[in-house]
Amino acid sequence: MSWKWEYAFSAEAAARTAPASFLREVEKKADELVRMCEVAYLHSSDHQELDPKGSTLTIPGGMITYQIVVRRQRVYIMQITDLEW
């Protein structure tokens, strides 16, 4: 298994109607988070601690809220907010 990201909950529904340029920014930031997790959690299958607290990041045109689930090797995009739409 390797680290990946995916939309969760209502973010997936919002992504269906968001502008393509904004979604490219979401995907870029999600890819950066995945790369960070690959380095920070090298032995994720052995992870016994609580998952890190999620956060909100500003991206060009809006923001995203994400959650990292280490044992599943996933970054979940919980919410996207396009401020220009």
C-alpha atoms as a PDB file:
ATOM      1  CA  MET A   1       0.000   0.000   0.000  1.00  0.00           C
ATOM      2  CA  SER A   2       1.236   3.501  -0.684  1.00  0.00           C
ATOM      3  CA  TRP A   3       0.134   6.942   0.361  1.00  0.00           C
ATOM      4  CA  LYS A   4      -2.737   8.480  -1.609  1.00  0.00           C
ATOM      5  CA  TRP A   5      -5.301  11.203  -1.176  1.00  0.00           C
ATOM      6  CA  GLU A   6      -9.021  11.276  -1.809  1.00  0.00           C
ATOM      7  CA  TYR A   7     -12.063  13.412  -1.268  1.00  0.00           C
ATOM      8  CA  ALA A   8     -14.280  12.579   1.685  1.00  0.00           C
ATOM      9  CA  PHE A   9     -17.874  13.393   2.549  1.00  0.00           C
ATOM     10  CA  SER A  10     -19.251  16.577   1.022  1.00  0.00           C
ATOM     11  CA  ALA A  11     -15.908  17.591  -0.515  1.00  0.00           C
ATOM     12  CA  GLU A  12     -16.464  15.025  -3.251  1.00  0.00           C
ATOM     13  CA  ALA A  13     -19.845  16.537  -4.102  1.00  0.00           C
ATOM     14  CA  ALA A  14     -18.385  20.062  -4.059  1.00  0.00           C
ATOM     15  CA  ALA A  15     -15.562  18.971  -6.350  1.00  0.00           C
ATOM     16  CA  ARG A  16     -18.085  18.008  -9.028  1.00  0.00           C
ATOM     17  CA  THR A  17     -19.165  21.629  -9.433  1.00  0.00           C
ATOM     18  CA  ALA A  18     -15.986  23.572  -8.598  1.00  0.00           C
ATOM     19  CA  PRO A  19     -14.026  25.284 -11.373  1.00  0.00           C
ATOM     20  CA  ALA A  20     -11.250  23.206 -12.947  1.00  0.00           C
ATOM     21  CA  SER A  21      -8.559  25.788 -12.126  1.00  0.00           C
ATOM     22  CA  PHE A  22      -9.430  25.616  -8.428  1.00  0.00           C
ATOM     23  CA  LEU A  23      -9.475  21.817  -8.455  1.00  0.00           C
ATOM     24  CA  ARG A  24      -5.954  21.805  -9.951  1.00  0.00           C
ATOM     25  CA  GLU A  25      -4.793  23.832  -6.938  1.00  0.00           C
ATOM     26  CA  VAL A  26      -6.540  21.397  -4.576  1.00  0.00           C
ATOM     27  CA  GLU A  27      -4.831  18.470  -6.289  1.00  0.00           C
ATOM     28  CA  LYS A  28      -1.409  20.148  -6.134  1.00  0.00           C
ATOM     29  CA  LYS A  29      -1.750  20.757  -2.396  1.00  0.00           C
ATOM     30  CA  ALA A  30      -3.068  17.231  -1.795  1.00  0.00           C
ATOM     31  CA  ASP A  31      -0.083  15.798  -3.688  1.00  0.00           C
ATOM     32  CA  GLU A  32       2.265  17.869  -1.493  1.00  0.00           C
ATOM     33  CA  LEU A  33       0.565  16.509   1.628  1.00  0.00           C
ATOM     34  CA  VAL A  34       0.969  12.943   0.349  1.00  0.00           C
ATOM     35  CA  ARG A  35       4.696  13.496  -0.251  1.00  0.00           C
ATOM     36  CA  MET A  36       5.048  14.946   3.242  1.00  0.00           C
ATOM     37  CA  CYS A  37       3.313  11.909   4.747  1.00  0.00           C
ATOM     38  CA  GLU A  38       5.508   9.495   2.806  1.00  0.00           C
ATOM     39  CA  VAL A  39       8.523  11.044   4.516  1.00  0.00           C
ATOM     40  CA  ALA A  40       7.038  11.673   7.960  1.00  0.00           C
ATOM     41  CA  TYR A  41       5.417   8.249   8.373  1.00  0.00           C
ATOM     42  CA  LEU A  42       7.886   5.787   6.834  1.00  0.00           C
ATOM     43  CA  HIS A  43       6.571   2.912   8.947  1.00  0.00           C
ATOM     44  CA  SER A  44       2.899   3.761   8.836  1.00  0.00           C
ATOM     45  CA  SER A  45       1.740   0.153   9.222  1.00  0.00           C
ATOM     46  CA  ASP A  46       3.434   0.090  12.641  1.00  0.00           C
ATOM     47  CA  HIS A  47       1.908   3.413  13.715  1.00  0.00           C
ATOM     48  CA  GLN A  48       0.356   3.066  17.181  1.00  0.00           C
ATOM     49  CA  GLU A  49      -0.258   6.683  18.147  1.00  0.00           C
ATOM     50  CA  LEU A  50      -3.303   8.811  17.422  1.00  0.00           C
ATOM     51  CA  ASP A  51      -3.564  10.232  13.933  1.00  0.00           C
ATOM     52  CA  PRO A  52      -2.342  13.819  13.612  1.00  0.00           C
ATOM     53  CA  LYS A  53      -4.910  16.546  13.979  1.00  0.00           C
ATOM     54  CA  GLY A  54      -6.356  17.746  10.677  1.00  0.00           C
ATOM     55  CA  SER A  55      -5.878  21.271   9.522  1.00  0.00           C
ATOM     56  CA  THR A  56      -6.999  23.948   7.097  1.00  0.00           C
ATOM     57  CA  LEU A  57      -4.637  25.232   4.413  1.00  0.00           C
ATOM     58  CA  THR A  58      -4.961  28.286   2.228  1.00  0.00           C
ATOM     59  CA  ILE A  59      -4.480  27.665  -1.477  1.00  0.00           C
ATOM     60  CA  PRO A  60      -4.773  30.048  -4.419  1.00  0.00           C
ATOM     61  CA  GLY A  61      -8.469  30.895  -4.733  1.00  0.00           C
ATOM     62  CA  GLY A  62      -9.651  29.302  -1.511  1.00  0.00           C
ATOM     63  CA  MET A  63      -8.835  26.751   1.148  1.00  0.00           C
ATOM     64  CA  ILE A  64      -8.983  23.063   2.004  1.00  0.00           C
ATOM     65  CA  THR A  65      -9.521  21.152   5.224  1.00  0.00           C
ATOM     66  CA  TYR A  66      -7.778  17.801   5.430  1.00  0.00           C
ATOM     67  CA  GLN A  67      -7.272  14.839   7.766  1.00  0.00           C
ATOM     68  CA  ILE A  68      -4.384  12.364   7.758  1.00  0.00           C
ATOM     69  CA  VAL A  69      -5.114   8.725   8.619  1.00  0.00           C
ATOM     70  CA  VAL A  70      -1.695   7.125   9.056  1.00  0.00           C
ATOM     71  CA  ARG A  71      -2.573   3.425   9.256  1.00  0.00           C
ATOM     72  CA  ARG A  72      -4.660   3.674   6.072  1.00  0.00           C
ATOM     73  CA  GLN A  73      -1.971   5.788   4.373  1.00  0.00           C
ATOM     74  CA  ARG A  74      -4.524   8.345   3.277  1.00  0.00           C
ATOM     75  CA  VAL A  75      -4.906  12.082   3.214  1.00  0.00           C
ATOM     76  CA  TYR A  76      -8.616  12.860   3.157  1.00  0.00           C
ATOM     77  CA  ILE A  77      -9.749  16.203   1.780  1.00  0.00           C
ATOM     78  CA  MET A  78     -12.679  16.910   4.067  1.00  0.00           C
ATOM     79  CA  GLN A  79     -13.802  20.280   2.726  1.00  0.00           C
ATOM     80  CA  ILE A  80     -12.955  22.594  -0.158  1.00  0.00           C
ATOM     81  CA  THR A  81     -13.870  26.253  -0.241  1.00  0.00           C
ATOM     82  CA  ASP A  82     -13.509  28.218  -3.462  1.00  0.00           C
ATOM     83  CA  LEU A  83     -13.589  31.911  -2.560  1.00  0.00           C
ATOM     84  CA  GLU A  84     -13.716  33.094  -6.174  1.00  0.00           C
ATOM     85  CA  TRP A  85     -16.647  30.963  -7.346  1.00  0.00           C
END
